[in-house]
C-alpha atoms as a PDB file:
ATOM      1  CA  MET A   1      12.177  14.976  22.804  1.00  0.00           C
ATOM      2  CA  ALA A   2       9.200  14.456  19.843  1.00  0.00           C
ATOM      3  CA  ARG A   3       6.709  12.203  20.428  1.00  0.00           C
ATOM      4  CA  ILE A   4       4.813   9.539  18.048  1.00  0.00           C
ATOM      5  CA  ASN A   5       1.243   7.876  18.595  1.00  0.00           C
ATOM      6  CA  MET A   6       2.630   4.175  17.399  1.00  0.00           C
ATOM      7  CA  ALA A   7      -0.854   3.289  16.713  1.00  0.00           C
ATOM      8  CA  ASP A   8      -1.325   5.788  14.463  1.00  0.00           C
ATOM      9  CA  ILE A   9       2.416   5.450  12.871  1.00  0.00           C
ATOM     10  CA  VAL A  10       1.632   1.967  12.359  1.00  0.00           C
ATOM     11  CA  GLU A  11      -1.922   3.032  10.574  1.00  0.00           C
ATOM     12  CA  ALA A  12      -0.416   5.005   8.112  1.00  0.00           C
ATOM     13  CA  LEU A  13       1.995   2.469   7.699  1.00  0.00           C
ATOM     14  CA  ASP A  14      -0.207  -0.506   7.604  1.00  0.00           C
ATOM     15  CA  SER A  15       0.267  -1.474   3.562  1.00  0.00           C
ATOM     16  CA  ASN A  16       3.820  -1.145   3.909  1.00  0.00           C
ATOM     17  CA  PHE A  17       4.479  -3.151   6.961  1.00  0.00           C
ATOM     18  CA  GLU A  18       2.462  -5.611   5.940  1.00  0.00           C
ATOM     19  CA  LYS A  19       4.493  -6.099   2.693  1.00  0.00           C
ATOM     20  CA  VAL A  20       7.536  -6.200   5.181  1.00  0.00           C
ATOM     21  CA  LEU A  21       6.464  -8.248   7.640  1.00  0.00           C
ATOM     22  CA  THR A  22       5.207 -11.225   5.130  1.00  0.00           C
ATOM     23  CA  SER A  23       8.739 -10.742   3.676  1.00  0.00           C
ATOM     24  CA  VAL A  24      10.564 -11.274   6.358  1.00  0.00           C
ATOM     25  CA  VAL A  25       9.007 -14.068   7.430  1.00  0.00           C
ATOM     26  CA  ASN A  26       9.640 -15.550   4.413  1.00  0.00           C
ATOM     27  CA  ASP A  27      13.159 -15.164   4.812  1.00  0.00           C
ATOM     28  CA  PHE A  28      13.031 -16.778   7.786  1.00  0.00           C
ATOM     29  CA  ALA A  29      10.879 -19.498   7.279  1.00  0.00           C
ATOM     30  CA  PRO A  30      10.407 -19.595   2.982  1.00  0.00           C
ATOM     31  CA  ASP A  31       8.460 -22.817   3.170  1.00  0.00           C
ATOM     32  CA  VAL A  32       5.803 -21.628   5.478  1.00  0.00           C
ATOM     33  CA  THR A  33       3.189 -19.681   3.733  1.00  0.00           C
ATOM     34  CA  VAL A  34       1.496 -17.031   6.066  1.00  0.00           C
ATOM     35  CA  GLU A  35      -1.795 -14.695   5.459  1.00  0.00           C
ATOM     36  CA  PRO A  36      -0.456 -11.135   5.033  1.00  0.00           C
ATOM     37  CA  ARG A  37      -3.156  -9.779   7.239  1.00  0.00           C
ATOM     38  CA  ALA A  38      -2.600 -12.685   9.895  1.00  0.00           C
ATOM     39  CA  VAL A  39       1.114 -11.540  10.479  1.00  0.00           C
ATOM     40  CA  MET A  40      -0.132  -7.561  10.524  1.00  0.00           C
ATOM     41  CA  ARG A  41      -2.964  -8.529  13.089  1.00  0.00           C
ATOM     42  CA  SER A  42      -0.092 -10.039  15.148  1.00  0.00           C
ATOM     43  CA  PHE A  43       2.209  -7.231  14.846  1.00  0.00           C
ATOM     44  CA  ARG A  44      -0.418  -4.652  15.971  1.00  0.00           C
ATOM     45  CA  LEU A  45      -1.015  -7.036  19.324  1.00  0.00           C
ATOM     46  CA  ARG A  46       2.322  -7.347  20.106  1.00  0.00           C
ATOM     47  CA  LEU A  47       2.834  -3.171  19.637  1.00  0.00           C
ATOM     48  CA  GLU A  48      -0.125  -2.640  21.721  1.00  0.00           C
ATOM     49  CA  ARG A  49       1.228  -4.400  24.283  1.00  0.00           C
ATOM     50  CA  GLY A  50       4.932  -3.493  23.913  1.00  0.00           C
ATOM     51  CA  PHE A  51       4.820   0.416  23.548  1.00  0.00           C
ATOM     52  CA  ALA A  52       3.122   2.916  25.510  1.00  0.00           C
ATOM     53  CA  ASN A  53       0.626   4.829  23.350  1.00  0.00           C
ATOM     54  CA  TRP A  54       2.693   7.842  22.844  1.00  0.00           C
ATOM     55  CA  GLU A  55       6.113   7.158  22.536  1.00  0.00           C
ATOM     56  CA  HIS A  56       9.009   9.214  23.044  1.00  0.00           C
ATOM     57  CA  VAL A  57      11.626   9.662  19.870  1.00  0.00           C
ATOM     58  CA  PRO A  58      14.433  11.875  19.218  1.00  0.00           C
ATOM     59  CA  ASP A  59      13.352  15.379  17.404  1.00  0.00           C
ATOM     60  CA  ARG A  60      15.865  14.432  15.017  1.00  0.00           C
ATOM     61  CA  SER A  61      13.506  11.395  13.701  1.00  0.00           C
ATOM     62  CA  VAL A  62      10.492  13.973  13.488  1.00  0.00           C
ATOM     63  CA  ASP A  63       9.948  16.228  10.280  1.00  0.00           C
ATOM     64  CA  THR A  64       7.684  18.740  11.425  1.00  0.00           C
ATOM     65  CA  GLY A  65       7.862  21.262   8.409  1.00  0.00           C
ATOM     66  CA  TYR A  66       6.245  18.988   5.585  1.00  0.00           C
END
């Protein structure tokens, strides 16, 4: 099994995650206005609490020949 660094993954995909998370919030609470950076900050905090720094993932989920 491969390992990924969750903090690095979130950092690398920061702007994509921010857009997607804001869109999800809007889908479930369309009348609520959220600050995208605040949503991302909360997401990061929850990730830090919910995951180990390094997480195991199936080898098929990682392409190292890039």
